[in-house]
Amino acid sequence: MAGIAASDADVVALLMRQHGDIRNLFDEVERTAGDERRAAFRNLVRLLAVHETAEEEVVRPFTRTSVPDGAKVADERLAEEREAKEFLSRLDGMDTDDPKFLPELMTLRLDVMKHARAEERYEFNHIRRHADKARLSSMATALKAAEAVAPTHPHPGTESAAKNMALGPIAAVVDRTRDAVRKAMGKDG
């Protein structure tokens, strides 16, 4: 990566860009087949897992303490993330050439996009109102650090900063080892 985009110094702009990346990866998985689809799906799984873990560690605690009705908003987003992780975990074990895969992926896509819209509407706007530029920047830095060591596959039941901190490093090592073995064996497109 050739440097950090200016927008990546603001946690909300960074998360909004990632939401766009997630939408684009869903598109790529849907329009490809075979090895291309498998590789695109692996990228989607990785981005969703890393993105959600980082949000749980950095964004949800801020929301809980600094946004009006923050505990309710954070709890709603965490519940949505748990459901998405459970669904993604089932899909992660499915053959992307299976005729049932695309309809299942579409269901996940609808849920993920609904979740992203809720974050953008009920959380990100409030974060912008309640955090100054320095805080938005420090949260972006923390988010990127969390993503660098986050698990690369979904782990339902770890939707809190404390659980992610306790279990995340172990899951990340297992996930990243599994990813490396898949890639070495040519099973990752």
C-alpha atoms as a PDB file:
ATOM      1  CA  MET A   1       0.000   0.000   0.000  1.00  0.00           C
ATOM      2  CA  ALA A   2       1.546   3.272  -1.120  1.00  0.00           C
ATOM      3  CA  GLY A   3       0.462   5.470   1.761  1.00  0.00           C
ATOM      4  CA  ILE A   4      -2.638   6.364   3.635  1.00  0.00           C
ATOM      5  CA  ALA A   5      -5.422   8.160   1.830  1.00  0.00           C
ATOM      6  CA  ALA A   6      -6.389  11.420   3.505  1.00  0.00           C
ATOM      7  CA  SER A   7      -9.893  10.065   4.094  1.00  0.00           C
ATOM      8  CA  ASP A   8      -8.430   7.103   5.993  1.00  0.00           C
ATOM      9  CA  ALA A   9      -7.291   9.510   8.723  1.00  0.00           C
ATOM     10  CA  ASP A  10     -10.980   9.907   9.684  1.00  0.00           C
ATOM     11  CA  VAL A  11     -12.603   6.782  11.134  1.00  0.00           C
ATOM     12  CA  VAL A  12     -16.030   7.519   9.619  1.00  0.00           C
ATOM     13  CA  ALA A  13     -14.594   8.132   6.135  1.00  0.00           C
ATOM     14  CA  LEU A  14     -12.510   4.951   6.467  1.00  0.00           C
ATOM     15  CA  LEU A  15     -15.536   2.871   7.483  1.00  0.00           C
ATOM     16  CA  MET A  16     -17.677   4.366   4.711  1.00  0.00           C
ATOM     17  CA  ARG A  17     -14.976   3.467   2.156  1.00  0.00           C
ATOM     18  CA  GLN A  18     -14.880  -0.068   3.523  1.00  0.00           C
ATOM     19  CA  HIS A  19     -18.667  -0.311   3.188  1.00  0.00           C
ATOM     20  CA  GLY A  20     -18.188   0.544  -0.494  1.00  0.00           C
ATOM     21  CA  ASP A  21     -15.441  -2.082  -0.786  1.00  0.00           C
ATOM     22  CA  ILE A  22     -17.789  -4.668   0.756  1.00  0.00           C
ATOM     23  CA  ARG A  23     -20.546  -3.787  -1.751  1.00  0.00           C
ATOM     24  CA  ASN A  24     -18.030  -4.115  -4.605  1.00  0.00           C
ATOM     25  CA  LEU A  25     -16.858  -7.517  -3.362  1.00  0.00           C
ATOM     26  CA  PHE A  26     -20.450  -8.773  -3.177  1.00  0.00           C
ATOM     27  CA  ASP A  27     -20.825  -7.633  -6.812  1.00  0.00           C
ATOM     28  CA  GLU A  28     -17.621  -9.436  -7.797  1.00  0.00           C
ATOM     29  CA  VAL A  29     -18.674 -12.695  -6.125  1.00  0.00           C
ATOM     30  CA  GLU A  30     -22.068 -12.539  -7.845  1.00  0.00           C
ATOM     31  CA  ARG A  31     -20.734 -11.858 -11.341  1.00  0.00           C
ATOM     32  CA  THR A  32     -17.879 -14.409 -11.353  1.00  0.00           C
ATOM     33  CA  ALA A  33     -17.690 -18.201 -11.258  1.00  0.00           C
ATOM     34  CA  GLY A  34     -15.261 -20.990 -10.444  1.00  0.00           C
ATOM     35  CA  ASP A  35     -11.840 -19.982  -9.111  1.00  0.00           C
ATOM     36  CA  GLU A  36     -12.568 -16.268  -9.566  1.00  0.00           C
ATOM     37  CA  ARG A  37     -15.692 -16.563  -7.415  1.00  0.00           C
ATOM     38  CA  ARG A  38     -13.830 -18.560  -4.760  1.00  0.00           C
ATOM     39  CA  ALA A  39     -11.072 -15.942  -4.594  1.00  0.00           C
ATOM     40  CA  ALA A  40     -13.559 -13.052  -4.504  1.00  0.00           C
ATOM     41  CA  PHE A  41     -15.546 -14.789  -1.768  1.00  0.00           C
ATOM     42  CA  ARG A  42     -12.376 -15.383   0.297  1.00  0.00           C
ATOM     43  CA  ASN A  43     -11.633 -11.649  -0.010  1.00  0.00           C
ATOM     44  CA  LEU A  44     -15.196 -10.808   1.041  1.00  0.00           C
ATOM     45  CA  VAL A  45     -15.079 -13.148   4.058  1.00  0.00           C
ATOM     46  CA  ARG A  46     -11.750 -11.667   5.124  1.00  0.00           C
ATOM     47  CA  LEU A  47     -12.886  -8.050   4.758  1.00  0.00           C
ATOM     48  CA  LEU A  48     -16.173  -8.648   6.596  1.00  0.00           C
ATOM     49  CA  ALA A  49     -14.479 -10.520   9.459  1.00  0.00           C
ATOM     50  CA  VAL A  50     -11.701  -7.957   9.893  1.00  0.00           C
ATOM     51  CA  HIS A  51     -14.042  -4.962   9.467  1.00  0.00           C
ATOM     52  CA  GLU A  52     -16.610  -6.165  12.004  1.00  0.00           C
ATOM     53  CA  THR A  53     -13.982  -7.141  14.579  1.00  0.00           C
ATOM     54  CA  ALA A  54     -12.352  -3.718  14.334  1.00  0.00           C
ATOM     55  CA  GLU A  55     -15.709  -1.961  14.653  1.00  0.00           C
ATOM     56  CA  GLU A  56     -16.500  -4.043  17.739  1.00  0.00           C
ATOM     57  CA  GLU A  57     -13.174  -3.101  19.336  1.00  0.00           C
ATOM     58  CA  VAL A  58     -13.023   0.598  18.403  1.00  0.00           C
ATOM     59  CA  VAL A  59     -16.388   1.985  17.295  1.00  0.00           C
ATOM     60  CA  ARG A  60     -18.865   0.228  19.607  1.00  0.00           C
ATOM     61  CA  PRO A  61     -17.129   1.294  22.851  1.00  0.00           C
ATOM     62  CA  PHE A  62     -17.108   4.932  21.659  1.00  0.00           C
ATOM     63  CA  THR A  63     -20.766   4.696  20.643  1.00  0.00           C
ATOM     64  CA  ARG A  64     -21.724   3.132  23.967  1.00  0.00           C
ATOM     65  CA  THR A  65     -20.181   5.976  26.000  1.00  0.00           C
ATOM     66  CA  SER A  66     -20.352   9.033  23.728  1.00  0.00           C
ATOM     67  CA  VAL A  67     -23.462   8.840  21.552  1.00  0.00           C
ATOM     68  CA  PRO A  68     -26.997   9.605  22.776  1.00  0.00           C
ATOM     69  CA  ASP A  69     -28.729   6.307  23.578  1.00  0.00           C
ATOM     70  CA  GLY A  70     -25.360   4.744  22.741  1.00  0.00           C
ATOM     71  CA  ALA A  71     -25.806   1.507  24.678  1.00  0.00           C
ATOM     72  CA  LYS A  72     -28.985   0.710  22.744  1.00  0.00           C
ATOM     73  CA  VAL A  73     -27.388   1.611  19.399  1.00  0.00           C
ATOM     74  CA  ALA A  74     -24.255  -0.448  20.149  1.00  0.00           C
ATOM     75  CA  ASP A  75     -26.295  -3.453  21.326  1.00  0.00           C
ATOM     76  CA  GLU A  76     -28.433  -3.363  18.166  1.00  0.00           C
ATOM     77  CA  ARG A  77     -25.365  -3.265  15.905  1.00  0.00           C
ATOM     78  CA  LEU A  78     -23.684  -6.073  17.889  1.00  0.00           C
ATOM     79  CA  ALA A  79     -26.788  -8.266  17.552  1.00  0.00           C
ATOM     80  CA  GLU A  80     -26.814  -7.659  13.783  1.00  0.00           C
ATOM     81  CA  GLU A  81     -23.106  -8.497  13.602  1.00  0.00           C
ATOM     82  CA  ARG A  82     -23.595 -11.749  15.477  1.00  0.00           C
ATOM     83  CA  GLU A  83     -26.351 -12.820  13.060  1.00  0.00           C
ATOM     84  CA  ALA A  84     -24.186 -11.884  10.076  1.00  0.00           C
ATOM     85  CA  LYS A  85     -21.192 -13.789  11.493  1.00  0.00           C
ATOM     86  CA  GLU A  86     -23.338 -16.885  12.016  1.00  0.00           C
ATOM     87  CA  PHE A  87     -24.655 -16.667   8.449  1.00  0.00           C
ATOM     88  CA  LEU A  88     -21.200 -15.930   7.016  1.00  0.00           C
ATOM     89  CA  SER A  89     -19.721 -18.829   8.981  1.00  0.00           C
ATOM     90  CA  ARG A  90     -22.219 -21.209   7.335  1.00  0.00           C
ATOM     91  CA  LEU A  91     -21.479 -19.745   3.902  1.00  0.00           C
ATOM     92  CA  ASP A  92     -17.710 -19.901   4.524  1.00  0.00           C
ATOM     93  CA  GLY A  93     -17.938 -23.698   4.565  1.00  0.00           C
ATOM     94  CA  MET A  94     -20.068 -23.890   1.421  1.00  0.00           C
ATOM     95  CA  ASP A  95     -18.798 -24.630  -2.093  1.00  0.00           C
ATOM     96  CA  THR A  96     -19.161 -21.400  -4.088  1.00  0.00           C
ATOM     97  CA  ASP A  97     -20.230 -23.493  -7.124  1.00  0.00           C
ATOM     98  CA  ASP A  98     -23.129 -25.027  -5.190  1.00  0.00           C
ATOM     99  CA  PRO A  99     -26.438 -23.864  -6.749  1.00  0.00           C
ATOM    100  CA  LYS A 100     -27.619 -22.855  -3.248  1.00  0.00           C
ATOM    101  CA  PHE A 101     -24.618 -20.557  -2.728  1.00  0.00           C
ATOM    102  CA  LEU A 102     -25.753 -17.462  -4.661  1.00  0.00           C
ATOM    103  CA  PRO A 103     -29.267 -17.322  -3.148  1.00  0.00           C
ATOM    104  CA  GLU A 104     -27.704 -17.636   0.317  1.00  0.00           C
ATOM    105  CA  LEU A 105     -25.147 -14.964  -0.553  1.00  0.00           C
ATOM    106  CA  MET A 106     -27.962 -12.632  -1.633  1.00  0.00           C
ATOM    107  CA  THR A 107     -29.663 -13.083   1.750  1.00  0.00           C
ATOM    108  CA  LEU A 108     -26.381 -12.266   3.500  1.00  0.00           C
ATOM    109  CA  ARG A 109     -25.869  -9.258   1.237  1.00  0.00           C
ATOM    110  CA  LEU A 110     -29.289  -7.820   2.138  1.00  0.00           C
ATOM    111  CA  ASP A 111     -28.566  -8.276   5.853  1.00  0.00           C
ATOM    112  CA  VAL A 112     -25.080  -6.759   5.604  1.00  0.00           C
ATOM    113  CA  MET A 113     -26.315  -3.758   3.593  1.00  0.00           C
ATOM    114  CA  LYS A 114     -29.155  -3.171   6.073  1.00  0.00           C
ATOM    115  CA  HIS A 115     -26.600  -3.294   8.891  1.00  0.00           C
ATOM    116  CA  ALA A 116     -24.272  -0.865   7.069  1.00  0.00           C
ATOM    117  CA  ARG A 117     -27.148   1.598   6.514  1.00  0.00           C
ATOM    118  CA  ALA A 118     -28.036   1.390  10.215  1.00  0.00           C
ATOM    119  CA  GLU A 119     -24.419   2.101  11.164  1.00  0.00           C
ATOM    120  CA  GLU A 120     -24.256   5.031   8.776  1.00  0.00           C
ATOM    121  CA  ARG A 121     -27.556   6.478   9.987  1.00  0.00           C
ATOM    122  CA  TYR A 122     -27.599   5.737  13.723  1.00  0.00           C
ATOM    123  CA  GLU A 123     -23.940   5.588  14.579  1.00  0.00           C
ATOM    124  CA  PHE A 124     -21.554   7.273  12.141  1.00  0.00           C
ATOM    125  CA  ASN A 125     -23.456  10.578  12.007  1.00  0.00           C
ATOM    126  CA  HIS A 126     -23.396  10.750  15.806  1.00  0.00           C
ATOM    127  CA  ILE A 127     -19.713   9.855  15.945  1.00  0.00           C
ATOM    128  CA  ARG A 128     -18.996  12.814  13.672  1.00  0.00           C
ATOM    129  CA  ARG A 129     -21.022  15.099  15.969  1.00  0.00           C
ATOM    130  CA  HIS A 130     -19.402  13.858  19.185  1.00  0.00           C
ATOM    131  CA  ALA A 131     -15.768  13.428  18.166  1.00  0.00           C
ATOM    132  CA  ASP A 132     -13.360  16.172  17.155  1.00  0.00           C
ATOM    133  CA  LYS A 133     -10.923  15.775  14.262  1.00  0.00           C
ATOM    134  CA  ALA A 134      -8.150  14.442  16.527  1.00  0.00           C
ATOM    135  CA  ARG A 135     -10.462  11.797  18.009  1.00  0.00           C
ATOM    136  CA  LEU A 136     -11.693  10.744  14.542  1.00  0.00           C
ATOM    137  CA  SER A 137      -8.053  10.380  13.496  1.00  0.00           C
ATOM    138  CA  SER A 138      -7.007   8.425  16.591  1.00  0.00           C
ATOM    139  CA  MET A 139     -10.008   6.115  16.124  1.00  0.00           C
ATOM    140  CA  ALA A 140      -8.970   5.538  12.483  1.00  0.00           C
ATOM    141  CA  THR A 141      -5.464   4.610  13.646  1.00  0.00           C
ATOM    142  CA  ALA A 142      -6.896   2.261  16.284  1.00  0.00           C
ATOM    143  CA  LEU A 143      -9.262   0.715  13.725  1.00  0.00           C
ATOM    144  CA  LYS A 144      -6.376  -0.023  11.323  1.00  0.00           C
ATOM    145  CA  ALA A 145      -4.323  -1.523  14.162  1.00  0.00           C
ATOM    146  CA  ALA A 146      -7.254  -3.748  15.182  1.00  0.00           C
ATOM    147  CA  GLU A 147      -7.729  -4.847  11.569  1.00  0.00           C
ATOM    148  CA  ALA A 148      -4.051  -5.785  11.259  1.00  0.00           C
ATOM    149  CA  VAL A 149      -4.411  -8.475  13.931  1.00  0.00           C
ATOM    150  CA  ALA A 150      -8.099  -9.385  13.561  1.00  0.00           C
ATOM    151  CA  PRO A 151      -9.333 -12.875  12.703  1.00  0.00           C
ATOM    152  CA  THR A 152      -9.901 -13.351   8.971  1.00  0.00           C
ATOM    153  CA  HIS A 153     -12.959 -15.567   9.341  1.00  0.00           C
ATOM    154  CA  PRO A 154     -16.182 -15.024  11.280  1.00  0.00           C
ATOM    155  CA  HIS A 155     -16.291 -16.093  14.924  1.00  0.00           C
ATOM    156  CA  PRO A 156     -19.870 -15.724  16.176  1.00  0.00           C
ATOM    157  CA  GLY A 157     -20.108 -15.003  19.880  1.00  0.00           C
ATOM    158  CA  THR A 158     -17.161 -12.618  20.109  1.00  0.00           C
ATOM    159  CA  GLU A 159     -19.128  -9.410  19.507  1.00  0.00           C
ATOM    160  CA  SER A 160     -17.555  -7.291  22.206  1.00  0.00           C
ATOM    161  CA  ALA A 161     -14.279  -5.487  22.625  1.00  0.00           C
ATOM    162  CA  ALA A 162     -13.378  -7.635  25.650  1.00  0.00           C
ATOM    163  CA  LYS A 163     -14.095 -10.946  23.909  1.00  0.00           C
ATOM    164  CA  ASN A 164     -12.298  -9.812  20.764  1.00  0.00           C
ATOM    165  CA  MET A 165      -9.252  -8.799  22.814  1.00  0.00           C
ATOM    166  CA  ALA A 166      -9.227 -12.114  24.698  1.00  0.00           C
ATOM    167  CA  LEU A 167     -10.067 -14.531  21.878  1.00  0.00           C
ATOM    168  CA  GLY A 168      -9.227 -12.518  18.761  1.00  0.00           C
ATOM    169  CA  PRO A 169      -5.432 -13.021  18.745  1.00  0.00           C
ATOM    170  CA  ILE A 170      -5.783 -16.806  19.019  1.00  0.00           C
ATOM    171  CA  ALA A 171      -8.494 -16.925  16.356  1.00  0.00           C
ATOM    172  CA  ALA A 172      -6.427 -14.614  14.139  1.00  0.00           C
ATOM    173  CA  VAL A 173      -3.387 -16.910  14.285  1.00  0.00           C
ATOM    174  CA  VAL A 174      -5.545 -19.930  13.442  1.00  0.00           C
ATOM    175  CA  ASP A 175      -7.349 -18.073  10.633  1.00  0.00           C
ATOM    176  CA  ARG A 176      -4.198 -16.596   9.110  1.00  0.00           C
ATOM    177  CA  THR A 177      -2.470 -20.007   9.227  1.00  0.00           C
ATOM    178  CA  ARG A 178      -5.484 -21.617   7.548  1.00  0.00           C
ATOM    179  CA  ASP A 179      -5.438 -18.874   4.892  1.00  0.00           C
ATOM    180  CA  ALA A 180      -1.719 -19.439   4.225  1.00  0.00           C
ATOM    181  CA  VAL A 181      -2.209 -23.210   3.901  1.00  0.00           C
ATOM    182  CA  ARG A 182      -5.145 -22.699   1.516  1.00  0.00           C
ATOM    183  CA  LYS A 183      -3.085 -20.328  -0.588  1.00  0.00           C
ATOM    184  CA  ALA A 184      -0.058 -22.662  -0.618  1.00  0.00           C
ATOM    185  CA  MET A 185      -2.274 -25.519  -1.749  1.00  0.00           C
ATOM    186  CA  GLY A 186      -3.749 -23.421  -4.536  1.00  0.00           C
ATOM    187  CA  LYS A 187      -7.243 -23.406  -3.050  1.00  0.00           C
ATOM    188  CA  ASP A 188      -7.574 -19.635  -2.905  1.00  0.00           C
ATOM    189  CA  GLY A 189      -7.781 -18.698  -6.553  1.00  0.00           C
END
